[in-house]
N, C-alpha and C. Protein backbone atom coordinates (compact mmCIF):
# COMPACT_ATOMS: atom_id res chain seq x y z
N MET A 1 -35.22 -2.41 -114.51
CA MET A 1 -35.35 -2.66 -115.84
C MET A 1 -37.37 -1.94 -116.07
N ALA A 2 -37.78 -1.65 -117.12
CA ALA A 2 -39.31 -1.35 -116.97
C ALA A 2 -39.51 -2.14 -117.41
N GLY A 3 -40.64 -2.86 -117.49
CA GLY A 3 -41.79 -3.84 -118.28
C GLY A 3 -42.30 -3.50 -118.90
N TYR A 4 -42.74 -4.08 -120.33
CA TYR A 4 -43.34 -3.36 -121.66
C TYR A 4 -43.81 -4.87 -122.50
N LEU A 5 -45.33 -4.69 -123.06
CA LEU A 5 -45.68 -5.83 -123.83
C LEU A 5 -45.66 -5.32 -125.35
N THR A 6 -45.06 -6.53 -126.00
CA THR A 6 -45.32 -6.52 -127.13
C THR A 6 -45.94 -7.55 -127.97
N THR A 7 -46.30 -7.77 -129.72
CA THR A 7 -46.46 -9.07 -129.80
C THR A 7 -46.22 -8.61 -131.76
N HIS A 8 -45.76 -10.25 -131.92
CA HIS A 8 -45.95 -10.75 -134.07
C HIS A 8 -46.96 -11.30 -134.05
N VAL A 9 -47.05 -10.49 -135.36
CA VAL A 9 -48.35 -12.16 -135.76
C VAL A 9 -48.10 -12.07 -136.85
N LEU A 10 -47.82 -13.39 -137.26
CA LEU A 10 -47.24 -14.32 -138.37
C LEU A 10 -48.40 -15.21 -139.10
N ASP A 11 -48.80 -14.63 -140.63
CA ASP A 11 -49.81 -16.22 -141.03
C ASP A 11 -48.67 -16.67 -141.46
N THR A 12 -48.74 -18.33 -140.77
CA THR A 12 -47.59 -19.35 -141.48
C THR A 12 -48.35 -19.97 -142.42
N ALA A 13 -50.12 -19.78 -143.03
CA ALA A 13 -50.20 -20.52 -143.97
C ALA A 13 -49.95 -19.86 -145.71
N ARG A 14 -49.90 -18.33 -145.30
CA ARG A 14 -48.76 -17.77 -146.46
C ARG A 14 -47.89 -17.73 -146.71
N GLY A 15 -46.98 -17.46 -145.37
CA GLY A 15 -45.66 -17.24 -144.95
C GLY A 15 -45.22 -15.68 -144.80
N VAL A 16 -45.89 -14.43 -143.72
CA VAL A 16 -46.20 -13.47 -144.50
C VAL A 16 -46.31 -13.42 -143.01
N PRO A 17 -46.39 -12.09 -142.56
CA PRO A 17 -46.88 -10.64 -141.94
C PRO A 17 -48.00 -10.64 -141.70
N ALA A 18 -48.83 -10.58 -140.42
CA ALA A 18 -50.04 -10.38 -140.94
C ALA A 18 -50.60 -8.76 -140.65
N LYS A 19 -50.53 -8.28 -141.81
CA LYS A 19 -50.63 -6.96 -142.28
C LYS A 19 -52.08 -6.65 -141.52
N GLY A 20 -52.28 -5.73 -141.21
CA GLY A 20 -53.99 -5.41 -140.67
C GLY A 20 -55.33 -6.16 -139.73
N LEU A 21 -54.68 -6.53 -138.72
CA LEU A 21 -55.53 -7.80 -138.06
C LEU A 21 -54.90 -6.74 -137.00
N LYS A 22 -56.17 -6.62 -136.43
CA LYS A 22 -56.82 -5.38 -135.15
C LYS A 22 -56.78 -6.63 -134.13
N ILE A 23 -56.37 -6.35 -132.52
CA ILE A 23 -55.45 -6.48 -131.65
C ILE A 23 -56.51 -5.91 -129.91
N GLU A 24 -56.95 -6.25 -129.33
CA GLU A 24 -56.91 -5.88 -128.19
C GLU A 24 -56.51 -6.26 -127.01
N LEU A 25 -56.13 -5.11 -125.96
CA LEU A 25 -56.12 -5.67 -124.83
C LEU A 25 -56.55 -5.47 -123.59
N PHE A 26 -57.13 -6.65 -122.83
CA PHE A 26 -57.66 -6.47 -121.44
C PHE A 26 -57.05 -6.66 -120.32
N ARG A 27 -57.38 -5.78 -119.25
CA ARG A 27 -56.41 -5.77 -118.21
C ARG A 27 -57.86 -6.85 -117.51
N ILE A 28 -57.13 -8.09 -116.40
CA ILE A 28 -58.75 -8.75 -116.24
C ILE A 28 -57.91 -9.01 -114.55
N ASP A 29 -59.00 -8.48 -113.66
CA ASP A 29 -58.41 -8.68 -112.55
C ASP A 29 -60.27 -9.55 -111.47
N GLY A 30 -59.65 -10.82 -111.23
CA GLY A 30 -60.56 -11.21 -110.59
C GLY A 30 -61.45 -12.14 -112.14
N ASP A 31 -63.27 -11.59 -111.95
CA ASP A 31 -64.04 -11.75 -112.93
C ASP A 31 -64.16 -10.57 -113.99
N ALA A 32 -63.61 -9.40 -113.55
CA ALA A 32 -63.69 -7.73 -114.59
C ALA A 32 -62.83 -8.14 -115.43
N ARG A 33 -62.90 -7.03 -116.19
CA ARG A 33 -62.40 -7.03 -117.86
C ARG A 33 -61.91 -5.68 -118.21
N THR A 34 -60.98 -5.17 -118.14
CA THR A 34 -61.39 -3.97 -119.08
C THR A 34 -60.37 -3.61 -119.78
N ALA A 35 -60.94 -3.34 -120.54
CA ALA A 35 -60.26 -2.10 -121.97
C ALA A 35 -59.13 -1.20 -121.86
N LEU A 36 -57.65 -1.53 -122.64
CA LEU A 36 -56.97 -1.14 -122.40
C LEU A 36 -56.82 -0.25 -123.60
N LYS A 37 -56.49 -0.87 -124.52
CA LYS A 37 -55.98 -0.46 -126.06
C LYS A 37 -56.75 -1.60 -127.20
N THR A 38 -56.91 -0.91 -128.25
CA THR A 38 -56.72 -1.75 -129.52
C THR A 38 -55.69 -1.22 -130.39
N LEU A 39 -55.42 -1.86 -130.85
CA LEU A 39 -53.96 -1.51 -132.44
C LEU A 39 -54.53 -2.04 -133.61
N VAL A 40 -54.32 -2.17 -134.80
CA VAL A 40 -53.75 -2.68 -135.81
C VAL A 40 -53.01 -3.20 -136.69
N THR A 41 -52.19 -4.51 -136.47
CA THR A 41 -50.89 -5.25 -137.18
C THR A 41 -50.32 -4.23 -138.22
N ASN A 42 -48.92 -3.87 -138.82
CA ASN A 42 -48.27 -2.99 -139.76
C ASN A 42 -48.57 -4.16 -140.55
N ASP A 43 -46.89 -3.70 -141.65
CA ASP A 43 -46.99 -4.77 -142.51
C ASP A 43 -45.83 -5.58 -142.04
N ASP A 44 -45.33 -5.46 -141.16
CA ASP A 44 -44.53 -7.22 -140.56
C ASP A 44 -44.90 -7.56 -139.71
N GLY A 45 -46.22 -6.65 -139.61
CA GLY A 45 -47.05 -7.92 -138.95
C GLY A 45 -46.78 -7.39 -137.06
N ARG A 46 -46.18 -6.46 -136.94
CA ARG A 46 -45.79 -5.90 -135.62
C ARG A 46 -47.09 -4.70 -135.40
N THR A 47 -47.25 -4.60 -134.47
CA THR A 47 -48.08 -2.66 -133.57
C THR A 47 -46.69 -1.92 -133.84
N ASP A 48 -46.92 -0.56 -134.29
CA ASP A 48 -46.61 0.64 -134.26
C ASP A 48 -45.90 1.14 -132.91
N GLU A 49 -46.60 1.08 -131.93
CA GLU A 49 -46.05 1.43 -131.03
C GLU A 49 -46.13 0.07 -129.90
N GLN A 50 -45.91 0.09 -128.48
CA GLN A 50 -45.85 -1.27 -127.76
C GLN A 50 -47.00 -1.09 -127.68
N ILE A 51 -47.43 -2.60 -127.37
CA ILE A 51 -48.67 -2.53 -126.98
C ILE A 51 -49.22 -1.57 -125.43
N LEU A 52 -48.42 -2.26 -124.53
CA LEU A 52 -48.30 -2.02 -123.54
C LEU A 52 -47.21 -1.04 -122.47
N PRO A 53 -46.60 -0.16 -123.08
CA PRO A 53 -45.81 0.44 -122.42
C PRO A 53 -45.13 0.50 -121.54
N ALA A 54 -43.62 0.49 -121.63
CA ALA A 54 -42.99 1.36 -119.62
C ALA A 54 -43.87 2.01 -118.70
N ASP A 55 -44.67 3.02 -119.51
CA ASP A 55 -44.67 3.62 -118.44
C ASP A 55 -46.78 3.85 -118.10
N GLN A 56 -47.13 2.77 -118.57
CA GLN A 56 -48.56 1.94 -118.17
C GLN A 56 -48.46 0.52 -118.16
N PHE A 57 -46.85 -0.31 -117.90
CA PHE A 57 -46.48 -1.44 -116.89
C PHE A 57 -47.27 -1.53 -115.71
N ALA A 58 -47.46 -2.41 -115.07
CA ALA A 58 -48.19 -2.99 -114.39
C ALA A 58 -48.60 -4.91 -114.53
N THR A 59 -47.91 -5.28 -112.95
CA THR A 59 -48.07 -7.02 -113.36
C THR A 59 -49.56 -7.12 -112.82
N GLY A 60 -49.31 -8.78 -113.92
CA GLY A 60 -51.24 -8.87 -113.36
C GLY A 60 -51.80 -9.62 -114.71
N THR A 61 -53.11 -9.83 -114.51
CA THR A 61 -53.36 -11.02 -115.55
C THR A 61 -54.25 -10.35 -116.21
N TYR A 62 -53.90 -10.20 -117.90
CA TYR A 62 -54.20 -9.52 -119.16
C TYR A 62 -54.12 -10.90 -119.81
N GLU A 63 -55.46 -9.63 -121.42
CA GLU A 63 -55.49 -10.61 -122.16
C GLU A 63 -55.50 -9.80 -123.69
N LEU A 64 -54.56 -10.21 -124.63
CA LEU A 64 -55.11 -10.42 -125.91
C LEU A 64 -55.52 -10.78 -126.99
N VAL A 65 -56.48 -10.06 -127.25
CA VAL A 65 -57.52 -11.05 -128.46
C VAL A 65 -57.35 -10.11 -129.92
N PHE A 66 -56.96 -11.05 -131.04
CA PHE A 66 -56.48 -11.75 -131.96
C PHE A 66 -57.38 -11.28 -132.85
N HIS A 67 -58.47 -10.64 -133.70
CA HIS A 67 -59.20 -11.10 -134.38
C HIS A 67 -58.80 -11.68 -135.76
N ALA A 68 -58.31 -12.60 -135.44
CA ALA A 68 -58.13 -13.23 -137.08
C ALA A 68 -58.82 -13.89 -137.86
N GLY A 69 -60.13 -13.65 -137.56
CA GLY A 69 -61.31 -13.62 -138.63
C GLY A 69 -61.12 -12.34 -139.84
N ALA A 70 -61.52 -11.77 -139.17
CA ALA A 70 -61.98 -10.52 -140.27
C ALA A 70 -60.42 -10.39 -140.81
N TYR A 71 -59.30 -10.35 -140.03
CA TYR A 71 -57.69 -10.68 -140.95
C TYR A 71 -58.17 -11.68 -142.18
N LEU A 72 -58.33 -13.28 -142.07
CA LEU A 72 -58.13 -14.29 -143.12
C LEU A 72 -59.27 -13.75 -144.22
N ASP A 73 -60.65 -13.19 -143.52
CA ASP A 73 -61.23 -12.48 -144.79
C ASP A 73 -60.47 -11.89 -145.94
N ALA A 74 -60.15 -10.34 -145.07
CA ALA A 74 -59.40 -8.73 -145.84
C ALA A 74 -58.02 -10.21 -146.54
N SER A 75 -57.64 -10.55 -145.92
CA SER A 75 -56.27 -11.17 -146.63
C SER A 75 -56.94 -12.61 -148.15
N GLY A 76 -58.16 -13.32 -147.65
CA GLY A 76 -58.24 -13.82 -149.66
C GLY A 76 -58.37 -15.21 -148.91
N THR A 77 -58.52 -15.34 -147.91
CA THR A 77 -58.79 -16.79 -147.32
C THR A 77 -60.04 -17.14 -147.86
N PRO A 78 -59.96 -18.68 -148.48
CA PRO A 78 -61.59 -18.54 -148.93
C PRO A 78 -62.65 -18.97 -146.91
N PRO A 79 -63.71 -18.39 -147.59
CA PRO A 79 -64.70 -18.03 -146.16
C PRO A 79 -65.63 -19.84 -146.31
N GLU A 80 -65.60 -19.56 -144.36
CA GLU A 80 -65.86 -20.59 -143.83
C GLU A 80 -67.36 -20.38 -143.16
N ASP A 81 -68.71 -20.68 -143.11
CA ASP A 81 -69.49 -20.23 -142.39
C ASP A 81 -69.92 -21.30 -141.30
N PRO A 82 -70.05 -20.95 -140.13
CA PRO A 82 -68.75 -19.74 -139.68
C PRO A 82 -67.17 -20.36 -140.26
N ARG A 83 -66.23 -19.34 -139.74
CA ARG A 83 -64.72 -19.55 -139.74
C ARG A 83 -64.71 -20.63 -138.24
N PHE A 84 -63.63 -21.10 -138.65
CA PHE A 84 -62.22 -22.40 -137.41
C PHE A 84 -62.32 -21.30 -136.39
N LEU A 85 -61.33 -20.10 -137.01
CA LEU A 85 -60.98 -19.38 -136.10
C LEU A 85 -61.35 -17.83 -136.18
N ASP A 86 -62.02 -17.24 -135.20
CA ASP A 86 -62.71 -16.06 -136.03
C ASP A 86 -62.10 -15.27 -134.41
N VAL A 87 -62.75 -14.76 -133.19
CA VAL A 87 -61.62 -14.14 -132.83
C VAL A 87 -60.56 -15.11 -131.83
N ILE A 88 -59.43 -14.78 -131.14
CA ILE A 88 -58.63 -15.56 -130.61
C ILE A 88 -58.21 -15.13 -129.14
N PRO A 89 -58.69 -15.74 -127.80
CA PRO A 89 -58.31 -14.92 -127.03
C PRO A 89 -56.35 -15.10 -126.10
N ILE A 90 -55.89 -14.50 -125.79
CA ILE A 90 -54.46 -15.68 -124.58
C ILE A 90 -54.28 -14.45 -123.76
N ARG A 91 -54.76 -15.41 -122.74
CA ARG A 91 -54.59 -15.27 -121.37
C ARG A 91 -53.82 -15.14 -120.97
N PHE A 92 -52.60 -14.00 -119.84
CA PHE A 92 -51.74 -13.92 -119.75
C PHE A 92 -51.29 -13.86 -118.13
N GLY A 93 -50.15 -13.95 -117.75
CA GLY A 93 -49.95 -13.49 -116.76
C GLY A 93 -48.60 -12.71 -116.35
N MET A 94 -48.17 -11.33 -116.33
CA MET A 94 -46.88 -10.48 -116.55
C MET A 94 -46.42 -10.75 -114.58
N SER A 95 -45.70 -11.62 -114.39
CA SER A 95 -45.15 -11.48 -112.87
C SER A 95 -43.96 -10.37 -112.22
N GLU A 96 -42.99 -10.00 -113.42
CA GLU A 96 -42.32 -8.90 -112.96
C GLU A 96 -41.82 -7.79 -114.15
N ALA A 97 -41.37 -6.74 -113.89
CA ALA A 97 -41.18 -6.15 -114.97
C ALA A 97 -39.67 -6.10 -115.55
N SER A 98 -39.87 -6.56 -116.88
CA SER A 98 -39.61 -7.33 -118.21
C SER A 98 -40.32 -6.86 -119.42
N HIS A 99 -39.67 -7.33 -120.26
CA HIS A 99 -39.77 -7.23 -121.84
C HIS A 99 -41.08 -8.82 -121.30
N TYR A 100 -42.15 -8.44 -121.87
CA TYR A 100 -43.04 -9.42 -122.92
C TYR A 100 -43.60 -9.50 -123.89
N HIS A 101 -43.52 -10.69 -124.70
CA HIS A 101 -43.15 -10.81 -126.37
C HIS A 101 -44.37 -11.91 -126.61
N VAL A 102 -45.63 -12.24 -126.97
CA VAL A 102 -46.37 -12.41 -126.75
C VAL A 102 -47.09 -12.64 -128.17
N PRO A 103 -46.07 -13.09 -129.11
CA PRO A 103 -46.32 -13.29 -131.18
C PRO A 103 -48.26 -14.51 -130.79
N LEU A 104 -47.63 -14.83 -132.47
CA LEU A 104 -49.10 -15.40 -132.64
C LEU A 104 -48.83 -16.21 -134.12
N LEU A 105 -48.96 -17.35 -134.34
CA LEU A 105 -48.46 -17.70 -135.46
C LEU A 105 -49.61 -18.56 -136.09
N LEU A 106 -50.66 -17.95 -136.23
CA LEU A 106 -51.55 -18.19 -137.57
C LEU A 106 -52.24 -18.90 -138.54
N SER A 107 -52.47 -19.90 -138.52
CA SER A 107 -53.36 -20.15 -140.32
C SER A 107 -54.25 -20.85 -139.90
N PRO A 108 -55.60 -21.12 -141.04
CA PRO A 108 -56.82 -20.84 -141.16
C PRO A 108 -57.50 -21.41 -140.03
N PHE A 109 -57.11 -23.14 -139.42
CA PHE A 109 -56.90 -23.91 -138.95
C PHE A 109 -56.40 -24.05 -137.97
N GLY A 110 -55.33 -23.49 -137.20
CA GLY A 110 -54.20 -23.38 -136.34
C GLY A 110 -53.70 -21.89 -135.45
N TYR A 111 -53.21 -21.47 -134.58
CA TYR A 111 -52.05 -21.12 -134.15
C TYR A 111 -51.59 -21.35 -132.80
N SER A 112 -51.08 -21.10 -133.34
CA SER A 112 -49.80 -20.69 -131.78
C SER A 112 -48.70 -19.70 -130.67
N THR A 113 -48.68 -20.01 -129.76
CA THR A 113 -48.20 -18.73 -128.85
C THR A 113 -47.15 -19.15 -128.02
N TYR A 114 -46.42 -17.66 -127.81
CA TYR A 114 -45.22 -19.05 -126.47
C TYR A 114 -44.91 -17.56 -125.96
N ARG A 115 -43.97 -17.28 -125.27
CA ARG A 115 -43.58 -15.97 -124.39
C ARG A 115 -41.95 -16.11 -124.98
N GLY A 116 -41.69 -15.09 -126.51
CA GLY A 116 -40.77 -14.29 -126.87
C GLY A 116 -40.49 -13.92 -126.20
N SER A 117 -38.93 -13.45 -127.14
CA SER A 117 -38.25 -12.03 -126.41
C SER A 117 -37.77 -11.23 -127.70
């Protein structure tokens, strides 16, 4: 089985998929942080392509950076200065060639993630 990486972002405060949220993927090697890809979520809160498809997959440590503040601003969430949540980094390891799904459940004052399927 080939490995790959996906995500799904849900706006739990509004009860809708988080459309238009920018996501960056980085590979972490010790102190080095290498940018690999930038994507934006679609109408379903997912990316149109796999974040890390099978032909680019490698085990190791990665970081997804979710630009929540810009999404919350665009969605009409009342502004704060500064926002409680702005940029949300999630660092995780992929130790085997399988499907890694790292969803984000987002609200203006909290978030959660897990290894999904």
